[in-house]
Amino acid sequence: MAEPLYIFLFAGIVSMSVALSAGALNKLALEKRPAFMQKPNGQITVIMAGNFGALTLLGAMAFGFLKLHWWIPLSCMFITFPIVHLLIFQRLLGDFKTLILMLPLTLLAAVSLYYYW
């Protein structure tokens, strides 16, 4: 049971972090956005990264419900993943650095979900 739990937790945390960071960056005022988001392609990139994070999160949740007890993914979705993002990643790195750091990890998480499914 330990291996599916680790895969689920890793995939869920990094994908939730990407989705929340992309959402927070999109909600910033135009003058407060990072320089690369001033261009239309930068904003589209952030939106696509957030969508990719959300899709990977859905895959992690499906994997968790399939391989683990039902209450583990449910409680992680609404309690653990947002708390880890808000209290650790957002405070230490900020939204932009969290997005840049977690995006490759989300890609790795999607591949590992596919491989271990």
C-alpha atoms as a PDB file:
ATOM      1  CA  MET A   1       0.000   0.000   0.000  1.00  0.00           C
ATOM      2  CA  ALA A   2       2.919   2.347   0.510  1.00  0.00           C
ATOM      3  CA  GLU A   3       3.938   2.726  -3.141  1.00  0.00           C
ATOM      4  CA  PRO A   4       0.520   3.912  -4.449  1.00  0.00           C
ATOM      5  CA  LEU A   5       0.275   6.272  -1.488  1.00  0.00           C
ATOM      6  CA  TYR A   6       3.624   7.886  -2.271  1.00  0.00           C
ATOM      7  CA  ILE A   7       2.787   8.216  -5.959  1.00  0.00           C
ATOM      8  CA  PHE A   8      -0.606   9.714  -5.134  1.00  0.00           C
ATOM      9  CA  LEU A   9       0.796  12.184  -2.612  1.00  0.00           C
ATOM     10  CA  PHE A  10       3.597  13.328  -4.915  1.00  0.00           C
ATOM     11  CA  ALA A  11       1.343  13.697  -7.944  1.00  0.00           C
ATOM     12  CA  GLY A  12      -1.379  15.430  -5.967  1.00  0.00           C
ATOM     13  CA  ILE A  13       0.835  17.935  -4.194  1.00  0.00           C
ATOM     14  CA  VAL A  14       2.771  19.082  -7.244  1.00  0.00           C
ATOM     15  CA  SER A  15      -0.269  19.242  -9.520  1.00  0.00           C
ATOM     16  CA  MET A  16      -2.382  21.117  -6.962  1.00  0.00           C
ATOM     17  CA  SER A  17       0.503  23.513  -6.483  1.00  0.00           C
ATOM     18  CA  VAL A  18       0.773  24.215 -10.216  1.00  0.00           C
ATOM     19  CA  ALA A  19      -2.968  24.745 -10.564  1.00  0.00           C
ATOM     20  CA  LEU A  20      -3.204  27.078  -7.556  1.00  0.00           C
ATOM     21  CA  SER A  21      -0.100  29.060  -8.568  1.00  0.00           C
ATOM     22  CA  ALA A  22      -1.363  29.547 -12.110  1.00  0.00           C
ATOM     23  CA  GLY A  23      -4.731  30.681 -10.780  1.00  0.00           C
ATOM     24  CA  ALA A  24      -3.107  33.144  -8.403  1.00  0.00           C
ATOM     25  CA  LEU A  25      -0.904  34.578 -11.160  1.00  0.00           C
ATOM     26  CA  ASN A  26      -3.908  35.041 -13.450  1.00  0.00           C
ATOM     27  CA  LYS A  27      -5.788  36.915 -10.731  1.00  0.00           C
ATOM     28  CA  LEU A  28      -3.041  39.509 -10.266  1.00  0.00           C
ATOM     29  CA  ALA A  29      -3.606  43.013 -11.563  1.00  0.00           C
ATOM     30  CA  LEU A  30      -2.015  43.705 -14.934  1.00  0.00           C
ATOM     31  CA  GLU A  31       0.703  45.927 -13.497  1.00  0.00           C
ATOM     32  CA  LYS A  32       1.642  43.391 -10.790  1.00  0.00           C
ATOM     33  CA  ARG A  33       2.066  40.420 -13.130  1.00  0.00           C
ATOM     34  CA  PRO A  34       5.576  39.144 -13.947  1.00  0.00           C
ATOM     35  CA  ALA A  35       7.207  40.555 -17.063  1.00  0.00           C
ATOM     36  CA  PHE A  36       6.686  37.482 -19.211  1.00  0.00           C
ATOM     37  CA  MET A  37       2.937  37.571 -18.533  1.00  0.00           C
ATOM     38  CA  GLN A  38       2.636  41.030 -20.083  1.00  0.00           C
ATOM     39  CA  LYS A  39       2.780  39.328 -23.477  1.00  0.00           C
ATOM     40  CA  PRO A  40      -0.217  37.286 -24.665  1.00  0.00           C
ATOM     41  CA  ASN A  41       1.873  34.143 -25.115  1.00  0.00           C
ATOM     42  CA  GLY A  42       3.071  34.324 -21.509  1.00  0.00           C
ATOM     43  CA  GLN A  43      -0.454  34.525 -20.186  1.00  0.00           C
ATOM     44  CA  ILE A  44      -1.537  31.612 -22.387  1.00  0.00           C
ATOM     45  CA  THR A  45       1.419  29.585 -21.113  1.00  0.00           C
ATOM     46  CA  VAL A  46       0.366  30.146 -17.505  1.00  0.00           C
ATOM     47  CA  ILE A  47      -3.229  29.193 -18.310  1.00  0.00           C
ATOM     48  CA  MET A  48      -2.105  26.016 -20.075  1.00  0.00           C
ATOM     49  CA  ALA A  49       0.188  25.125 -17.158  1.00  0.00           C
ATOM     50  CA  GLY A  50      -2.729  25.531 -14.765  1.00  0.00           C
ATOM     51  CA  ASN A  51      -4.932  23.358 -16.961  1.00  0.00           C
ATOM     52  CA  PHE A  52      -2.229  20.700 -17.140  1.00  0.00           C
ATOM     53  CA  GLY A  53      -1.925  20.796 -13.347  1.00  0.00           C
ATOM     54  CA  ALA A  54      -5.679  20.434 -12.944  1.00  0.00           C
ATOM     55  CA  LEU A  55      -5.819  17.474 -15.338  1.00  0.00           C
ATOM     56  CA  THR A  56      -2.937  15.785 -13.559  1.00  0.00           C
ATOM     57  CA  LEU A  57      -4.712  16.403 -10.256  1.00  0.00           C
ATOM     58  CA  LEU A  58      -7.813  14.678 -11.640  1.00  0.00           C
ATOM     59  CA  GLY A  59      -5.635  11.754 -12.685  1.00  0.00           C
ATOM     60  CA  ALA A  60      -4.038  11.610  -9.248  1.00  0.00           C
ATOM     61  CA  MET A  61      -7.469  11.622  -7.616  1.00  0.00           C
ATOM     62  CA  ALA A  62      -8.681   8.810  -9.875  1.00  0.00           C
ATOM     63  CA  PHE A  63      -5.504   6.857  -9.095  1.00  0.00           C
ATOM     64  CA  GLY A  64      -6.005   7.468  -5.388  1.00  0.00           C
ATOM     65  CA  PHE A  65      -9.637   6.363  -5.400  1.00  0.00           C
ATOM     66  CA  LEU A  66      -8.700   3.270  -7.391  1.00  0.00           C
ATOM     67  CA  LYS A  67      -5.695   2.148  -5.337  1.00  0.00           C
ATOM     68  CA  LEU A  68      -6.351   3.562  -1.839  1.00  0.00           C
ATOM     69  CA  HIS A  69      -9.223   3.822   0.608  1.00  0.00           C
ATOM     70  CA  TRP A  70     -11.759   6.450  -0.447  1.00  0.00           C
ATOM     71  CA  TRP A  71     -11.162   8.796   2.488  1.00  0.00           C
ATOM     72  CA  ILE A  72      -7.440   9.265   1.795  1.00  0.00           C
ATOM     73  CA  PRO A  73      -7.798  11.031  -1.591  1.00  0.00           C
ATOM     74  CA  LEU A  74     -10.875  12.914  -0.451  1.00  0.00           C
ATOM     75  CA  SER A  75      -9.217  14.357   2.641  1.00  0.00           C
ATOM     76  CA  CYS A  76      -6.006  15.119   0.753  1.00  0.00           C
ATOM     77  CA  MET A  77      -7.896  16.978  -1.966  1.00  0.00           C
ATOM     78  CA  PHE A  78      -9.623  19.384   0.403  1.00  0.00           C
ATOM     79  CA  ILE A  79      -7.246  19.559   3.367  1.00  0.00           C
ATOM     80  CA  THR A  80      -3.681  18.336   2.855  1.00  0.00           C
ATOM     81  CA  PHE A  81      -2.804  19.514  -0.667  1.00  0.00           C
ATOM     82  CA  PRO A  82      -4.069  23.110  -0.302  1.00  0.00           C
ATOM     83  CA  ILE A  83      -2.498  23.470   3.153  1.00  0.00           C
ATOM     84  CA  VAL A  84       0.895  22.220   1.935  1.00  0.00           C
ATOM     85  CA  HIS A  85       0.760  24.629  -0.998  1.00  0.00           C
ATOM     86  CA  LEU A  86      -0.336  27.655   1.015  1.00  0.00           C
ATOM     87  CA  LEU A  87       1.837  27.146   4.078  1.00  0.00           C
ATOM     88  CA  ILE A  88       5.006  25.842   2.468  1.00  0.00           C
ATOM     89  CA  PHE A  89       5.363  26.485  -1.251  1.00  0.00           C
ATOM     90  CA  GLN A  90       3.574  29.814  -1.575  1.00  0.00           C
ATOM     91  CA  ARG A  91       5.213  31.328   1.495  1.00  0.00           C
ATOM     92  CA  LEU A  92       8.717  30.088   0.716  1.00  0.00           C
ATOM     93  CA  LEU A  93       8.828  30.522  -3.046  1.00  0.00           C
ATOM     94  CA  GLY A  94       5.930  32.696  -4.130  1.00  0.00           C
ATOM     95  CA  ASP A  95       3.536  31.913  -6.946  1.00  0.00           C
ATOM     96  CA  PHE A  96       5.862  32.428  -9.906  1.00  0.00           C
ATOM     97  CA  LYS A  97       8.763  30.346  -8.578  1.00  0.00           C
ATOM     98  CA  THR A  98       6.373  27.645  -7.414  1.00  0.00           C
ATOM     99  CA  LEU A  99       4.865  27.434 -10.887  1.00  0.00           C
ATOM    100  CA  ILE A 100       8.292  27.207 -12.534  1.00  0.00           C
ATOM    101  CA  LEU A 101       9.566  24.606 -10.041  1.00  0.00           C
ATOM    102  CA  MET A 102       6.462  22.420  -9.916  1.00  0.00           C
ATOM    103  CA  LEU A 103       5.676  22.311 -13.646  1.00  0.00           C
ATOM    104  CA  PRO A 104       8.430  19.794 -14.546  1.00  0.00           C
ATOM    105  CA  LEU A 105       7.550  17.805 -11.429  1.00  0.00           C
ATOM    106  CA  THR A 106       3.927  17.717 -12.585  1.00  0.00           C
ATOM    107  CA  LEU A 107       5.059  16.309 -15.909  1.00  0.00           C
ATOM    108  CA  LEU A 108       7.032  13.653 -14.019  1.00  0.00           C
ATOM    109  CA  ALA A 109       3.978  12.954 -11.869  1.00  0.00           C
ATOM    110  CA  ALA A 110       1.764  12.486 -14.936  1.00  0.00           C
ATOM    111  CA  VAL A 111       4.251  10.021 -16.403  1.00  0.00           C
ATOM    112  CA  SER A 112       4.502   8.107 -13.116  1.00  0.00           C
ATOM    113  CA  LEU A 113       0.698   7.956 -12.818  1.00  0.00           C
ATOM    114  CA  TYR A 114       0.493   6.503 -16.316  1.00  0.00           C
ATOM    115  CA  TYR A 115       3.315   4.034 -15.645  1.00  0.00           C
ATOM    116  CA  TYR A 116       2.046   2.730 -12.291  1.00  0.00           C
ATOM    117  CA  TRP A 117      -1.641   2.667 -13.196  1.00  0.00           C
END
